[in-house]
Protein backbone atom coordinates (compact mmCIF):
# COMPACT_ATOMS: atom_id res chain seq x y z
CA MET A 1 -9.83 17.43 -7.57
CA PRO A 2 -8.14 17.69 -3.30
CA THR A 3 -9.99 16.05 -0.67
CA SER A 4 -10.67 18.10 2.16
CA SER A 5 -8.41 16.56 3.87
CA GLU A 6 -6.00 16.99 0.92
CA MET A 7 -6.21 20.34 1.06
CA LEU A 8 -5.90 21.48 4.64
CA GLU A 9 -2.55 19.20 4.37
CA GLN A 10 -1.85 21.19 2.13
CA PHE A 11 -4.23 24.58 3.65
CA GLU A 12 -0.06 26.95 4.43
CA ALA A 13 1.12 26.68 0.75
CA THR A 14 -2.51 27.09 -0.86
CA TYR A 15 -5.57 28.66 0.47
CA ALA A 16 -4.01 31.47 2.54
CA MET A 17 -4.90 34.45 2.41
CA GLY A 18 -2.09 36.39 4.70
CA ASP A 19 -5.33 37.69 6.67
CA ALA A 20 -5.68 35.77 9.59
CA SER A 21 -9.24 36.09 10.15
CA ILE A 22 -9.80 34.58 6.42
CA ASP A 23 -7.23 32.32 7.25
CA HIS A 24 -8.73 31.17 10.77
CA THR A 25 -12.21 30.29 9.33
CA HIS A 26 -11.08 28.51 6.50
CA ARG A 27 -8.79 26.54 8.08
CA GLU A 28 -12.02 25.98 11.18
CA PHE A 29 -14.51 25.15 7.84
CA LEU A 30 -12.09 22.10 6.70
CA GLU A 31 -11.60 20.90 9.35
CA LEU A 32 -15.24 20.86 9.88
CA CYS A 33 -15.45 19.32 6.21
CA VAL A 34 -12.64 16.79 7.75
CA ALA A 35 -14.77 15.80 10.14
CA ALA A 36 -18.10 15.90 9.02
CA ALA A 37 -16.42 12.87 5.95
CA GLN A 38 -15.52 11.38 8.79
CA ALA A 39 -18.03 11.06 10.83
CA GLN A 40 -20.88 7.70 11.04
CA GLY A 41 -23.94 6.77 11.23
CA ALA A 42 -25.71 9.95 13.30
CA ALA A 43 -22.97 12.03 13.75
CA PHE A 44 -22.83 12.57 10.26
CA ALA A 45 -25.77 14.15 10.93
CA GLU A 46 -24.62 16.06 14.15
CA ARG A 47 -20.91 17.59 12.25
CA PHE A 48 -22.97 18.30 9.06
CA ALA A 49 -24.60 20.61 10.85
CA ALA A 50 -21.80 21.56 12.54
CA LEU A 51 -20.35 22.21 9.12
CA PHE A 52 -23.67 24.56 8.35
CA ALA A 53 -23.47 26.71 10.88
CA HIS A 54 -20.52 27.49 11.22
CA THR A 55 -20.85 28.77 7.10
CA GLN A 56 -23.59 30.74 8.38
CA ALA A 57 -21.37 32.75 10.61
CA HIS A 58 -18.14 32.71 8.51
CA PHE A 59 -20.15 34.06 5.52
CA ALA A 60 -22.34 36.84 8.08
CA ASP A 61 -18.10 37.39 9.33
CA GLU A 62 -17.27 37.98 5.56
CA GLU A 63 -19.87 40.12 4.56
CA ALA A 64 -19.78 42.44 7.41
CA ARG A 65 -16.30 43.16 6.68
CA MET A 66 -17.32 43.39 2.71
CA GLN A 67 -20.22 45.83 3.63
CA ALA A 68 -18.24 47.91 6.26
CA SER A 69 -15.14 47.72 3.58
CA ALA A 70 -17.68 49.11 0.95
CA TYR A 71 -15.85 46.01 -1.03
CA PRO A 72 -17.16 47.15 -4.69
CA ALA A 73 -17.78 43.11 -5.83
CA ILE A 74 -19.69 42.29 -2.37
CA GLY A 75 -22.79 41.13 -4.76
CA GLU A 76 -21.45 39.14 -6.11
CA HIS A 77 -19.07 37.50 -3.31
CA ARG A 78 -22.59 37.68 -1.63
CA ALA A 79 -24.49 35.19 -4.38
CA HIS A 80 -22.37 32.36 -4.23
CA HIS A 81 -22.60 32.50 -0.21
CA GLN A 82 -26.13 32.07 -0.85
CA ASN A 83 -25.71 30.06 -3.43
CA LEU A 84 -23.53 27.45 -1.22
CA LEU A 85 -26.31 28.67 2.32
CA GLY A 86 -28.98 26.99 -0.03
CA ASP A 87 -27.58 23.85 -0.74
CA MET A 88 -26.00 23.04 2.63
CA ASP A 89 -29.05 23.61 4.13
CA ARG A 90 -31.13 20.86 1.69
CA PHE A 91 -28.26 18.32 2.14
CA CYS A 92 -28.11 19.27 6.35
CA GLN A 93 -32.16 18.55 6.22
CA ARG A 94 -31.93 14.86 4.08
CA ALA A 95 -28.98 14.01 6.51
CA GLY A 96 -30.75 15.25 10.17
CA ALA A 97 -33.53 13.12 8.73
CA GLY A 98 -31.24 10.07 8.40
CA ARG A 99 -30.88 10.36 4.84
CA SER A 100 -27.26 11.23 4.58
CA ALA A 101 -26.23 9.81 1.38
CA MET A 102 -26.87 12.21 -1.15
CA ALA A 103 -25.19 15.10 1.63
CA ARG A 104 -21.93 12.96 2.00
CA ALA A 105 -21.32 13.19 -1.62
CA TRP A 106 -21.84 16.43 -2.49
CA LEU A 107 -19.57 16.75 0.90
CA ASN A 108 -16.57 14.76 -0.01
CA ASP A 109 -17.41 15.96 -4.50
CA SER A 110 -18.30 19.13 -4.54
CA LEU A 111 -18.42 21.20 -1.84
CA PRO A 112 -14.21 20.99 -2.04
CA GLN A 113 -14.41 22.70 -5.91
CA TRP A 114 -16.75 25.48 -4.19
CA PHE A 115 -14.30 26.07 -1.84
CA ASP A 116 -11.59 25.66 -4.43
CA LEU A 117 -12.42 27.97 -6.90
CA HIS A 118 -14.01 30.38 -4.26
CA ALA A 119 -10.72 30.73 -2.13
CA ARG A 120 -8.95 31.16 -4.85
CA THR A 121 -11.32 33.72 -6.55
CA MET A 122 -13.48 35.70 -4.43
CA ASP A 123 -11.45 34.81 -1.77
CA SER A 124 -8.73 36.03 -2.64
CA ALA A 125 -9.75 39.22 -3.75
CA LEU A 126 -11.52 39.65 -1.05
CA ALA A 127 -8.60 39.93 0.92
CA VAL A 128 -6.33 42.23 -1.21
CA HIS A 129 -8.83 44.46 -0.53
CA LEU A 130 -8.83 44.29 3.03
CA ARG A 131 -4.95 44.65 2.38
CA GLN A 132 -5.58 47.34 0.36
CA GLN A 133 -8.24 49.59 2.91
CA GLY A 134 -5.33 48.97 5.64
């Protein structure tokens, strides 16, 4: 499984969806993942919190676009978002309390795997739907 840094390097070839908004937000997401992964000490909690805030806004925007375009798989897609946000919230709280080891491990091990699957399946299907809607 590639790291967030490797995903960012491979972005155009692997993760670009052809939707300017989705692609921009995904690139920012990966940049924030890399920044958090590289942070040391108290800076980790700050960067992880910035990643969490970005992800909340990212998902809210995506869900608004799904709603506006009558996306048929909105329920499943939203549930996938909510599961991740729940995990991120718990790890963000731990990191903010000075217990960052598990948050760092999740960021480096689980989040790239989640993003890879989500982008290649749910977000790619959404991008196709949005193109079809014009």
